[in-house]
Amino acid sequence: MPTETKSAAFRSWPDDWIRNTLKGIEREALRIDPEGRIAQTPHPRALGAPLTHPLFTTDYSEALLEIVTSPQCRLKALIDELETLHAFAMRHLGSERLWPLSMPPPIASEAEIPIARYGSSPQGLMRHRYRVGLGHRYGRAMQIIAGIHYNFSFDPDLWASWTPEGTSRQDPGTIRNEAYLGILRNVSRHGWALAYLFGASPALCRSFAPDAPLKATPWQADTFYDPLATSLRMSDLGYRNKNQQKLRISLNSLEEYIKTLTCATETLDPDYRRLGVRSADGDWLQLSDHVLQIENEYYSIARPKPAKVPGQRPLLGLRERGIDYLEIRILDVDPGHPVGVAPTTLAFLEIFLWWCLLEASPPLGEPERFMNEANLRLVACEGPDSYLPLQYPSGPQSLKASLERLIDQLIPIAERLADATGEELYRDALNCARIRMAVPDETPSARVLHAMEAGRMGHRDYGLALATAYQQALAALPLSEASWKALVECSAHSLQEMEKIESASDQDFEAYLRHYFRGS
């Protein structure tokens, strides 16, 4: 279906389909002390129990705070909540700050990276021991790379009324699952554009990767950088590492996705088998000796998610209820913004995901999948080269030509979203993208390097200076009495829920683990 015809059809869709999308943010940020070292303190009690709190939890490390918004229909409401949660957190961190970069601060040894703890219940122990396994498999340092996760779902009425071009009418659940997987395939095809426009990790501390094939900056020997890099987080130095590149997870149908991901959690890995599941002393080294311990270990740039049911395995949720929303995981933390992400970035992602829905998305074969991954790695390391050749099944095309074509196709979608919602951010987002396309020095990655060079600062000093400034700015944000009260009560409730879970736990850990993997 020609792009202009799709756009015309989209313009006729009900405003409610556009207004009633849900979006949320999960922002990861390391807590650091005033000298820029990883905090060794436990998760602040005032932020509740990480096992049960819906808004404040931890990721890999006890110091890696994760701030989670509620699903919101309006962009402004999402941004307001993200700022409110940051303001509340800052008021309870004492002298600590939040590290504002994706790549971590200096690390003297992995012993400085405390693994997150979630209490003594079987589910809490499973979360902790899974993270112990990640540390053994990939190293603890890789697990404290921070990012922004963007969660998105369409209005359910869309699936009840819309039939994709070229398909026959099916039940809404099938249409929803196939549409979401089509979007994920298109995110795979065009994720390089997100790395170019929003990548913000062109440098890292030498301690993170002392043998990296990168240059030391002329102004700071303890900082490695690549002058052409957009996102080292998305390069082989970060999550796109060789350990995960052997996985062959299919996005061509929900059945195939579940089958291939299940296979990865049930297939023995020779290296992990040699490591063993438990030490000679009986300590847990990992949850299993399989290719993946659990499905969450698969570090994809985007993935389908079921509606959350506490204690239920995500793959079982997908099998029983299908895809509820998408989690886009490619975004670096943006050091240009106190909350780690710009409002225009969130607007662009929404425009982009609508386009991914409307754009044709044929099945992904292995050759094209390899092309997509190669394009992402190439742009992550050499993005500012506008003549960079990207590979497509139809033949190579320059990055500049590909990005121009994409942005041109996003224009009518941005206009429709702006008109339906009354939010100018959608138009602003495309204007910002056009500037970054035309002037690579305006990309976040380039701005990071320019700021470091101008201040003669290395990665640590740059991050610490921003962290200190943002601590003051966020702590000064006004909080209404109602917001304060609601967040205090939410933290108290999470602590109570944690106590209930631990007092009610009458199942030993191994029995719990067997039950979990059976999916019942």
Protein backbone atom coordinates (compact mmCIF):
# COMPACT_ATOMS: atom_id res chain seq x y z
CA MET A 1 0.00 0.00 0.00
CA PRO A 2 1.64 3.34 -1.00
CA THR A 3 2.73 5.55 1.88
CA GLU A 4 0.43 8.42 0.86
CA THR A 5 -2.58 6.05 0.80
CA LYS A 6 -1.73 4.75 4.26
CA SER A 7 -1.41 8.29 5.55
CA ALA A 8 -4.79 9.20 4.08
CA ALA A 9 -6.40 6.21 5.79
CA PHE A 10 -4.67 7.10 9.05
CA ARG A 11 -6.04 10.65 8.88
CA SER A 12 -9.57 9.24 8.82
CA TRP A 13 -9.15 7.14 11.95
CA PRO A 14 -11.06 8.23 15.08
CA ASP A 15 -9.21 10.67 17.32
CA ASP A 16 -9.77 8.36 20.28
CA TRP A 17 -7.59 5.68 18.70
CA ILE A 18 -4.78 8.21 18.69
CA ARG A 19 -5.47 9.82 22.07
CA ASN A 20 -5.88 6.54 23.95
CA THR A 21 -2.46 5.08 23.37
CA LEU A 22 -0.65 4.31 26.62
CA LYS A 23 3.01 5.09 27.20
CA GLY A 24 5.31 4.70 30.16
CA ILE A 25 8.96 5.11 31.05
CA GLU A 26 11.43 3.00 33.02
CA ARG A 27 14.50 5.12 33.73
CA GLU A 28 17.62 3.40 35.09
CA ALA A 29 20.19 5.43 37.03
CA LEU A 30 23.05 4.44 39.31
CA ARG A 31 23.14 6.04 42.72
CA ILE A 32 26.58 7.55 43.28
CA ASP A 33 28.30 9.23 46.22
CA PRO A 34 29.57 12.85 46.07
CA GLU A 35 32.93 11.65 44.65
CA GLY A 36 31.30 9.83 41.76
CA ARG A 37 31.71 6.29 43.09
CA ILE A 38 28.91 3.72 42.98
CA ALA A 39 26.86 3.99 46.17
CA GLN A 40 27.37 1.14 48.62
CA THR A 41 24.25 1.97 50.63
CA PRO A 42 21.07 -0.15 50.47
CA HIS A 43 18.07 0.94 48.45
CA PRO A 44 16.48 3.86 50.38
CA ARG A 45 13.70 2.61 52.62
CA ALA A 46 11.73 5.78 51.88
CA LEU A 47 11.42 4.51 48.29
CA GLY A 48 9.77 1.33 49.53
CA ALA A 49 10.52 -2.31 48.80
CA PRO A 50 11.96 -2.89 45.31
CA LEU A 51 10.21 -6.26 45.10
CA THR A 52 6.74 -4.77 45.43
CA HIS A 53 6.89 -1.03 44.68
CA PRO A 54 5.27 -0.19 41.30
CA LEU A 55 7.23 3.06 40.83
CA PHE A 56 10.66 2.60 42.46
CA THR A 57 12.63 -0.60 42.11
CA THR A 58 16.17 -1.72 41.28
CA ASP A 59 17.65 -3.38 38.24
CA TYR A 60 20.87 -5.42 38.40
CA SER A 61 22.60 -3.63 41.24
CA GLU A 62 21.34 -2.48 44.61
CA ALA A 63 22.64 0.93 43.48
CA LEU A 64 20.90 0.83 40.08
CA LEU A 65 17.66 2.65 40.79
CA GLU A 66 14.79 2.16 38.35
CA ILE A 67 12.10 4.82 38.23
CA VAL A 68 8.88 3.58 36.62
CA THR A 69 5.99 5.80 35.57
CA SER A 70 2.37 4.75 35.38
CA PRO A 71 0.93 4.26 31.88
CA GLN A 72 -0.26 7.65 30.61
CA CYS A 73 -2.31 8.71 27.58
CA ARG A 74 -0.93 12.24 27.32
CA LEU A 75 2.72 13.06 26.78
CA LYS A 76 2.56 15.99 29.18
CA ALA A 77 1.15 13.77 31.93
CA LEU A 78 3.94 11.25 31.34
CA ILE A 79 6.65 13.91 31.54
CA ASP A 80 5.06 15.49 34.62
CA GLU A 81 4.97 12.15 36.42
CA LEU A 82 8.57 11.35 35.51
CA GLU A 83 9.66 14.69 36.97
CA THR A 84 7.55 14.15 40.09
CA LEU A 85 9.09 10.73 40.73
CA HIS A 86 12.59 12.12 40.28
CA ALA A 87 11.83 15.03 42.61
CA PHE A 88 10.51 12.64 45.28
CA ALA A 89 13.50 10.31 44.93
CA MET A 90 16.00 13.16 45.18
CA ARG A 91 14.50 14.27 48.46
CA HIS A 92 15.38 10.85 49.91
CA LEU A 93 18.89 10.28 48.54
CA GLY A 94 20.74 12.47 51.04
CA SER A 95 24.12 13.42 49.60
CA GLU A 96 23.88 10.83 46.83
CA ARG A 97 23.21 11.72 43.22
CA LEU A 98 21.94 9.89 40.13
CA TRP A 99 24.58 9.15 37.50
CA PRO A 100 23.30 10.89 34.32
CA LEU A 101 25.08 8.73 31.70
CA SER A 102 24.43 5.29 30.25
CA MET A 103 28.00 4.04 30.65
CA PRO A 104 28.98 3.73 34.32
CA PRO A 105 31.40 5.78 36.43
CA PRO A 106 34.90 4.48 37.28
CA ILE A 107 34.99 0.99 38.75
CA ALA A 108 38.02 -0.12 40.75
CA SER A 109 36.78 -3.71 40.94
CA GLU A 110 33.56 -5.64 40.41
CA ALA A 111 33.32 -6.00 44.19
CA GLU A 112 32.22 -2.34 44.17
CA ILE A 113 29.04 -3.32 42.32
CA PRO A 114 26.54 -4.61 44.90
CA ILE A 115 24.00 -7.06 43.49
CA ALA A 116 20.39 -6.11 44.20
CA ARG A 117 18.60 -7.89 47.03
CA TYR A 118 14.87 -8.48 47.33
CA GLY A 119 14.43 -10.20 50.67
CA SER A 120 14.12 -13.80 51.78
CA SER A 121 10.98 -14.94 49.95
CA PRO A 122 11.43 -17.43 47.07
CA GLN A 123 10.55 -14.77 44.47
CA GLY A 124 12.96 -12.32 46.09
CA LEU A 125 15.73 -14.92 46.15
CA MET A 126 15.06 -15.78 42.52
CA ARG A 127 15.54 -12.16 41.47
CA HIS A 128 18.80 -11.94 43.41
CA ARG A 129 20.21 -15.26 42.22
CA TYR A 130 19.30 -14.52 38.62
CA ARG A 131 21.43 -11.38 38.93
CA VAL A 132 24.26 -13.37 40.49
CA GLY A 133 24.14 -15.52 37.36
CA LEU A 134 24.27 -12.47 35.10
CA GLY A 135 27.40 -11.33 36.89
CA HIS A 136 29.11 -14.68 36.34
CA ARG A 137 28.03 -14.86 32.70
CA TYR A 138 28.74 -11.33 31.46
CA GLY A 139 30.56 -9.58 34.27
CA ARG A 140 28.97 -7.22 36.74
CA ALA A 141 30.14 -4.08 34.94
CA MET A 142 28.02 -4.76 31.86
CA GLN A 143 24.95 -5.08 34.04
CA ILE A 144 25.18 -1.52 35.33
CA ILE A 145 24.93 0.08 31.90
CA ALA A 146 21.80 2.23 32.18
CA GLY A 147 19.10 2.94 29.64
CA ILE A 148 15.62 4.26 29.10
CA HIS A 149 12.84 1.77 28.39
CA TYR A 150 9.75 3.11 26.63
CA ASN A 151 6.54 1.10 27.04
CA PHE A 152 3.76 1.58 24.50
CA SER A 153 0.35 0.15 23.67
CA PHE A 154 -2.44 1.13 21.29
CA ASP A 155 -6.10 1.72 22.11
CA PRO A 156 -7.78 -1.74 22.38
CA ASP A 157 -10.63 -0.43 20.21
CA LEU A 158 -8.17 -0.31 17.31
CA TRP A 159 -7.86 -4.11 17.27
CA ALA A 160 -11.63 -4.55 17.41
CA SER A 161 -12.22 -2.34 14.36
CA TRP A 162 -9.13 -2.35 12.14
CA THR A 163 -8.19 -4.96 9.55
CA PRO A 164 -4.61 -4.57 8.25
CA GLU A 165 -4.25 -4.18 4.49
CA GLY A 166 -4.03 -7.49 2.66
CA THR A 167 -5.43 -9.62 5.51
CA SER A 168 -8.82 -11.12 6.26
CA ARG A 169 -10.78 -10.21 9.37
CA GLN A 170 -9.60 -12.20 12.39
CA ASP A 171 -10.31 -12.04 16.09
CA PRO A 172 -8.96 -8.88 17.77
CA GLY A 173 -6.39 -10.81 19.82
CA THR A 174 -4.80 -12.31 16.71
CA ILE A 175 -4.77 -8.95 14.92
CA ARG A 176 -3.17 -7.33 17.98
CA ASN A 177 -0.43 -9.97 18.31
CA GLU A 178 0.42 -9.91 14.60
CA ALA A 179 0.43 -6.11 14.49
CA TYR A 180 2.74 -5.80 17.51
CA LEU A 181 5.16 -8.34 16.06
CA GLY A 182 5.09 -6.48 12.73
CA ILE A 183 6.04 -3.33 14.61
CA LEU A 184 8.92 -5.15 16.31
CA ARG A 185 10.21 -6.37 12.95
CA ASN A 186 10.17 -2.80 11.66
CA VAL A 187 11.92 -1.57 14.81
CA SER A 188 14.58 -4.16 14.02
CA ARG A 189 14.85 -2.84 10.46
CA HIS A 190 15.03 0.82 11.42
CA GLY A 191 16.47 0.80 14.94
CA TRP A 192 19.67 2.29 13.54
CA ALA A 193 17.75 5.59 13.11
CA LEU A 194 17.01 5.70 16.84
CA ALA A 195 20.68 5.05 17.60
CA TYR A 196 21.70 7.93 15.33
CA LEU A 197 19.11 10.43 16.58
CA PHE A 198 19.21 9.60 20.30
CA GLY A 199 22.46 7.74 21.01
CA ALA A 200 24.33 9.53 23.80
CA SER A 201 27.18 7.25 24.84
CA PRO A 202 30.25 8.01 22.67
CA ALA A 203 32.68 7.69 25.60
CA LEU A 204 33.34 5.55 28.65
CA CYS A 205 35.68 5.27 31.60
CA ARG A 206 38.86 3.33 30.89
CA SER A 207 38.10 1.09 33.87
CA PHE A 208 34.95 -0.23 32.14
CA ALA A 209 36.84 -1.63 29.15
CA PRO A 210 40.62 -1.22 29.61
CA ASP A 211 41.34 -3.22 26.45
CA ALA A 212 38.71 -1.56 24.24
CA PRO A 213 39.79 -0.65 20.69
CA LEU A 214 39.07 3.01 21.39
CA LYS A 215 41.16 6.17 21.69
CA ALA A 216 41.96 7.95 24.92
CA THR A 217 40.60 11.49 24.72
CA PRO A 218 43.30 14.16 24.21
CA TRP A 219 41.99 15.97 27.26
CA GLN A 220 41.64 13.02 29.68
CA ALA A 221 43.66 9.80 29.57
CA ASP A 222 41.20 7.93 31.80
CA THR A 223 38.44 8.32 29.23
CA PHE A 224 38.08 6.25 26.06
CA TYR A 225 35.97 7.52 23.19
CA ASP A 226 35.15 7.12 19.53
CA PRO A 227 34.64 10.46 17.75
CA LEU A 228 32.13 8.82 15.39
CA ALA A 229 30.26 6.75 17.97
CA THR A 230 26.63 7.46 18.72
CA SER A 231 25.94 4.67 21.24
CA LEU A 232 28.72 2.50 22.65
CA ARG A 233 25.96 1.05 24.83
CA MET A 234 24.49 -0.47 21.67
CA SER A 235 27.87 -1.60 20.33
CA ASP A 236 29.79 -4.81 20.97
CA LEU A 237 31.15 -3.13 24.11
CA GLY A 238 27.65 -2.96 25.58
CA TYR A 239 24.52 -5.04 25.30
CA ARG A 240 25.04 -6.10 21.68
CA ASN A 241 27.85 -8.43 22.77
CA LYS A 242 29.01 -11.73 21.32
CA ASN A 243 27.33 -13.76 24.07
CA GLN A 244 23.91 -12.74 22.76
CA GLN A 245 24.61 -12.65 19.03
CA LYS A 246 24.29 -16.42 18.74
CA LEU A 247 20.61 -16.30 19.69
CA ARG A 248 18.04 -16.77 16.92
CA ILE A 249 14.82 -15.44 18.38
CA SER A 250 12.03 -15.18 15.79
CA LEU A 251 9.61 -12.26 15.53
CA ASN A 252 7.63 -13.76 12.65
CA SER A 253 4.76 -15.01 14.82
CA LEU A 254 3.94 -15.15 18.49
CA GLU A 255 4.15 -18.93 18.36
CA GLU A 256 7.67 -18.76 16.89
CA TYR A 257 8.77 -16.10 19.36
CA ILE A 258 7.62 -18.19 22.32
CA LYS A 259 9.11 -21.38 20.84
CA THR A 260 12.56 -19.94 20.06
CA LEU A 261 12.84 -18.05 23.35
CA THR A 262 11.69 -21.09 25.31
CA CYS A 263 14.30 -23.16 23.47
CA ALA A 264 17.03 -20.74 24.59
CA THR A 265 15.93 -21.17 28.24
CA GLU A 266 15.92 -24.98 27.92
CA THR A 267 19.10 -25.61 25.88
CA LEU A 268 22.28 -26.44 27.78
CA ASP A 269 25.26 -24.16 27.19
CA PRO A 270 28.71 -25.83 27.51
CA ASP A 271 30.36 -22.79 29.10
CA TYR A 272 27.59 -22.25 31.63
CA ARG A 273 27.53 -25.97 32.37
CA ARG A 274 31.22 -25.81 33.27
CA LEU A 275 30.45 -22.87 35.56
CA GLY A 276 27.82 -24.96 37.35
CA VAL A 277 24.55 -23.97 38.96
CA ARG A 278 25.84 -24.18 42.54
CA SER A 279 29.26 -23.97 44.07
CA ALA A 280 30.90 -26.72 46.10
CA ASP A 281 29.68 -24.85 49.19
CA GLY A 282 26.11 -24.85 47.92
CA ASP A 283 25.93 -21.19 46.93
CA TRP A 284 23.85 -20.42 43.86
CA LEU A 285 25.99 -19.33 40.92
CA GLN A 286 23.12 -19.07 38.38
CA LEU A 287 19.53 -20.23 38.07
CA SER A 288 20.37 -22.76 35.34
CA ASP A 289 23.16 -23.79 32.98
CA HIS A 290 21.07 -23.07 29.89
CA VAL A 291 21.71 -20.53 27.13
CA LEU A 292 19.39 -18.14 29.00
CA GLN A 293 18.53 -18.50 32.68
CA ILE A 294 15.13 -16.90 32.07
CA GLU A 295 13.63 -15.05 29.09
CA ASN A 296 14.43 -11.61 30.54
CA GLU A 297 18.11 -12.32 29.92
CA TYR A 298 17.56 -11.82 26.18
CA TYR A 299 18.89 -8.29 25.54
CA SER A 300 16.77 -7.31 22.54
CA ILE A 301 16.34 -3.67 21.51
CA ALA A 302 12.57 -4.13 21.75
CA ARG A 303 10.35 -6.94 22.97
CA PRO A 304 6.69 -7.94 23.36
CA LYS A 305 5.29 -7.94 26.88
CA PRO A 306 2.18 -9.55 28.39
CA ALA A 307 -0.01 -7.92 30.98
CA LYS A 308 1.80 -8.33 34.29
CA VAL A 309 0.66 -11.06 36.67
CA PRO A 310 2.82 -11.25 39.84
CA GLY A 311 4.92 -14.39 39.94
CA GLN A 312 3.95 -15.54 36.45
CA ARG A 313 6.56 -16.33 33.86
CA PRO A 314 6.34 -13.78 30.98
CA LEU A 315 6.36 -16.48 28.31
CA LEU A 316 3.34 -18.10 29.93
CA GLY A 317 1.59 -14.73 30.00
CA LEU A 318 2.27 -14.28 26.27
CA ARG A 319 0.96 -17.77 25.55
CA GLU A 320 -2.21 -17.31 27.59
CA ARG A 321 -3.13 -13.67 26.95
CA GLY A 322 -0.98 -12.48 24.07
CA ILE A 323 0.93 -9.22 23.74
CA ASP A 324 -0.28 -6.37 25.93
CA TYR A 325 2.37 -3.75 25.13
CA LEU A 326 5.80 -3.21 23.60
CA GLU A 327 8.98 -2.37 25.47
CA ILE A 328 11.45 -0.31 23.41
CA ARG A 329 14.89 -0.67 25.00
CA ILE A 330 17.26 1.04 22.59
CA LEU A 331 17.37 4.52 24.17
CA ASP A 332 20.50 5.73 25.94
CA VAL A 333 20.12 7.95 28.97
CA ASP A 334 20.20 11.51 27.62
CA PRO A 335 22.66 13.56 29.73
CA GLY A 336 21.12 16.75 28.34
CA HIS A 337 18.00 16.28 30.49
CA PRO A 338 17.70 15.87 34.28
CA VAL A 339 15.22 12.98 33.97
CA GLY A 340 17.31 11.20 31.33
CA VAL A 341 15.05 11.67 28.32
CA ALA A 342 13.83 14.65 26.29
CA PRO A 343 10.09 15.23 25.73
CA THR A 344 10.73 15.43 21.97
CA THR A 345 12.38 11.99 22.09
CA LEU A 346 9.23 10.50 23.60
CA ALA A 347 7.11 12.22 20.96
CA PHE A 348 9.35 10.93 18.16
CA LEU A 349 9.12 7.37 19.46
CA GLU A 350 5.33 7.51 19.41
CA ILE A 351 5.34 8.84 15.82
CA PHE A 352 7.84 6.16 14.85
CA LEU A 353 5.78 3.32 16.36
CA TRP A 354 2.64 4.47 14.54
CA TRP A 355 4.67 4.42 11.33
CA CYS A 356 5.97 0.94 12.16
CA LEU A 357 2.33 -0.17 12.50
CA LEU A 358 1.28 1.30 9.15
CA GLU A 359 4.40 0.28 7.20
CA ALA A 360 4.51 -3.14 5.55
CA SER A 361 6.42 -5.63 7.72
CA PRO A 362 7.12 -8.94 5.98
CA PRO A 363 8.67 -11.83 7.91
CA LEU A 364 12.34 -11.49 8.83
CA GLY A 365 14.64 -14.10 7.36
CA GLU A 366 18.12 -14.75 8.73
CA PRO A 367 19.98 -12.72 6.05
CA GLU A 368 17.87 -9.63 6.69
CA ARG A 369 18.13 -10.07 10.45
CA PHE A 370 21.92 -10.11 10.13
CA MET A 371 21.73 -6.95 7.99
CA ASN A 372 19.62 -5.20 10.62
CA GLU A 373 22.04 -6.07 13.41
CA ALA A 374 25.02 -5.01 11.29
CA ASN A 375 23.33 -1.68 10.48
CA LEU A 376 22.70 -1.00 14.17
CA ARG A 377 26.28 -1.83 15.15
CA LEU A 378 27.62 0.31 12.30
CA VAL A 379 25.55 3.38 13.23
CA ALA A 380 26.32 2.86 16.93
CA CYS A 381 30.03 3.16 16.14
CA GLU A 382 30.14 5.38 13.03
CA GLY A 383 26.80 7.20 12.89
CA PRO A 384 27.91 10.78 12.08
CA ASP A 385 29.26 9.62 8.71
CA SER A 386 26.24 10.58 6.59
CA TYR A 387 27.52 8.50 3.67
CA LEU A 388 27.69 5.38 5.80
CA PRO A 389 26.32 2.53 3.63
CA LEU A 390 23.41 0.72 5.25
CA GLN A 391 22.52 -2.71 3.90
CA TYR A 392 19.00 -3.63 2.77
CA PRO A 393 17.61 -6.63 0.86
CA SER A 394 17.12 -4.26 -2.10
CA GLY A 395 20.72 -3.07 -1.94
CA PRO A 396 22.88 -0.55 -0.03
CA GLN A 397 21.72 2.99 0.72
CA SER A 398 23.47 5.80 2.54
CA LEU A 399 22.49 6.67 6.09
CA LYS A 400 21.54 10.19 5.00
CA ALA A 401 19.22 9.02 2.21
CA SER A 402 17.63 6.40 4.48
CA LEU A 403 17.04 8.90 7.28
CA GLU A 404 15.64 11.53 4.91
CA ARG A 405 13.19 9.00 3.50
CA LEU A 406 12.11 7.89 6.98
CA ILE A 407 11.54 11.41 8.30
CA ASP A 408 9.57 12.39 5.19
CA GLN A 409 7.25 9.43 5.82
CA LEU A 410 6.79 10.43 9.47
CA ILE A 411 5.55 13.95 8.66
CA PRO A 412 1.83 13.17 8.08
CA ILE A 413 1.77 10.95 11.17
CA ALA A 414 3.27 13.70 13.32
CA GLU A 415 0.71 16.17 11.97
CA ARG A 416 -2.17 13.80 12.74
CA LEU A 417 -0.95 13.16 16.28
CA ALA A 418 -0.51 16.88 16.92
CA ASP A 419 -3.99 17.69 15.61
CA ALA A 420 -5.69 14.85 17.53
CA THR A 421 -3.98 15.54 20.85
CA GLY A 422 -3.32 19.26 20.69
CA GLU A 423 0.33 18.64 21.65
CA GLU A 424 2.88 20.50 19.56
CA LEU A 425 5.63 18.20 20.80
CA TYR A 426 4.98 15.90 17.85
CA ARG A 427 5.84 18.61 15.34
CA ASP A 428 8.76 19.75 17.51
CA ALA A 429 10.09 16.18 17.55
CA LEU A 430 10.33 16.01 13.76
CA ASN A 431 11.92 19.45 13.58
CA CYS A 432 14.54 18.29 16.06
CA ALA A 433 15.14 15.11 14.02
CA ARG A 434 15.57 17.14 10.83
CA ILE A 435 18.21 19.31 12.50
CA ARG A 436 20.12 16.28 13.75
CA MET A 437 19.91 14.71 10.31
CA ALA A 438 21.31 17.82 8.64
CA VAL A 439 23.85 18.73 11.32
CA PRO A 440 25.44 15.68 13.01
CA ASP A 441 27.07 17.98 15.59
CA GLU A 442 23.57 18.52 17.02
CA THR A 443 23.08 14.84 17.89
CA PRO A 444 23.24 14.01 21.63
CA SER A 445 26.41 11.94 21.14
CA ALA A 446 28.25 14.83 19.45
CA ARG A 447 27.05 17.29 22.08
CA VAL A 448 28.43 15.03 24.81
CA LEU A 449 31.89 15.02 23.22
CA HIS A 450 31.82 18.77 22.60
CA ALA A 451 30.87 19.44 26.23
CA MET A 452 33.62 17.16 27.54
CA GLU A 453 36.20 18.75 25.28
CA ALA A 454 35.11 22.32 26.07
CA GLY A 455 35.36 21.64 29.79
CA ARG A 456 38.52 19.51 29.44
CA MET A 457 36.61 16.86 31.39
CA GLY A 458 36.78 13.11 31.27
CA HIS A 459 33.79 10.78 31.50
CA ARG A 460 33.80 10.78 35.31
CA ASP A 461 34.12 14.53 35.79
CA TYR A 462 31.51 15.27 33.13
CA GLY A 463 29.03 12.85 34.67
CA LEU A 464 29.66 14.05 38.21
CA ALA A 465 29.23 17.71 37.26
CA LEU A 466 25.89 16.97 35.61
CA ALA A 467 24.79 14.71 38.48
CA THR A 468 25.45 17.49 40.99
CA ALA A 469 23.60 20.09 38.92
CA TYR A 470 20.64 17.78 38.36
CA GLN A 471 20.50 16.81 42.04
CA GLN A 472 19.93 20.46 42.91
CA ALA A 473 17.50 21.09 40.05
CA LEU A 474 15.35 18.03 40.73
CA ALA A 475 15.32 18.47 44.50
CA ALA A 476 14.06 22.03 43.93
CA LEU A 477 11.11 20.94 41.76
CA PRO A 478 7.84 21.67 43.56
CA LEU A 479 5.85 18.70 44.84
CA SER A 480 2.18 19.07 45.67
CA GLU A 481 0.99 17.88 49.05
CA ALA A 482 -1.24 15.34 47.31
CA SER A 483 1.66 13.90 45.27
CA TRP A 484 3.91 13.71 48.32
CA LYS A 485 1.24 11.96 50.38
CA ALA A 486 0.42 9.48 47.62
CA LEU A 487 4.09 8.54 47.12
CA VAL A 488 4.73 8.17 50.85
CA GLU A 489 1.69 5.91 51.14
CA CYS A 490 2.77 3.89 48.09
CA SER A 491 6.19 3.26 49.65
CA ALA A 492 4.63 2.24 52.97
CA HIS A 493 2.22 -0.10 51.19
CA SER A 494 5.06 -1.75 49.28
CA LEU A 495 6.90 -2.45 52.54
CA GLN A 496 3.75 -3.99 53.99
CA GLU A 497 3.29 -6.14 50.90
CA MET A 498 6.90 -7.28 51.17
CA GLU A 499 6.33 -8.33 54.79
CA LYS A 500 3.19 -10.26 53.82
CA ILE A 501 5.02 -12.10 51.05
CA GLU A 502 7.88 -13.08 53.33
CA SER A 503 5.63 -14.16 56.22
CA ALA A 504 3.43 -16.21 53.87
CA SER A 505 6.33 -17.96 52.09
CA ASP A 506 6.13 -21.65 53.02
CA GLN A 507 7.76 -23.02 49.84
CA ASP A 508 11.47 -23.70 49.61
CA PHE A 509 13.42 -22.02 46.84
CA GLU A 510 14.10 -25.07 44.69
CA ALA A 511 10.43 -26.07 44.72
CA TYR A 512 9.51 -22.50 43.78
CA LEU A 513 11.99 -22.55 40.90
CA ARG A 514 10.65 -25.87 39.57
CA HIS A 515 7.12 -24.50 39.78
CA TYR A 516 8.15 -21.31 37.95
CA PHE A 517 9.86 -23.13 35.08
CA ARG A 518 6.90 -25.47 34.66
CA GLY A 519 4.95 -22.30 33.98
CA SER A 520 2.11 -23.21 36.30
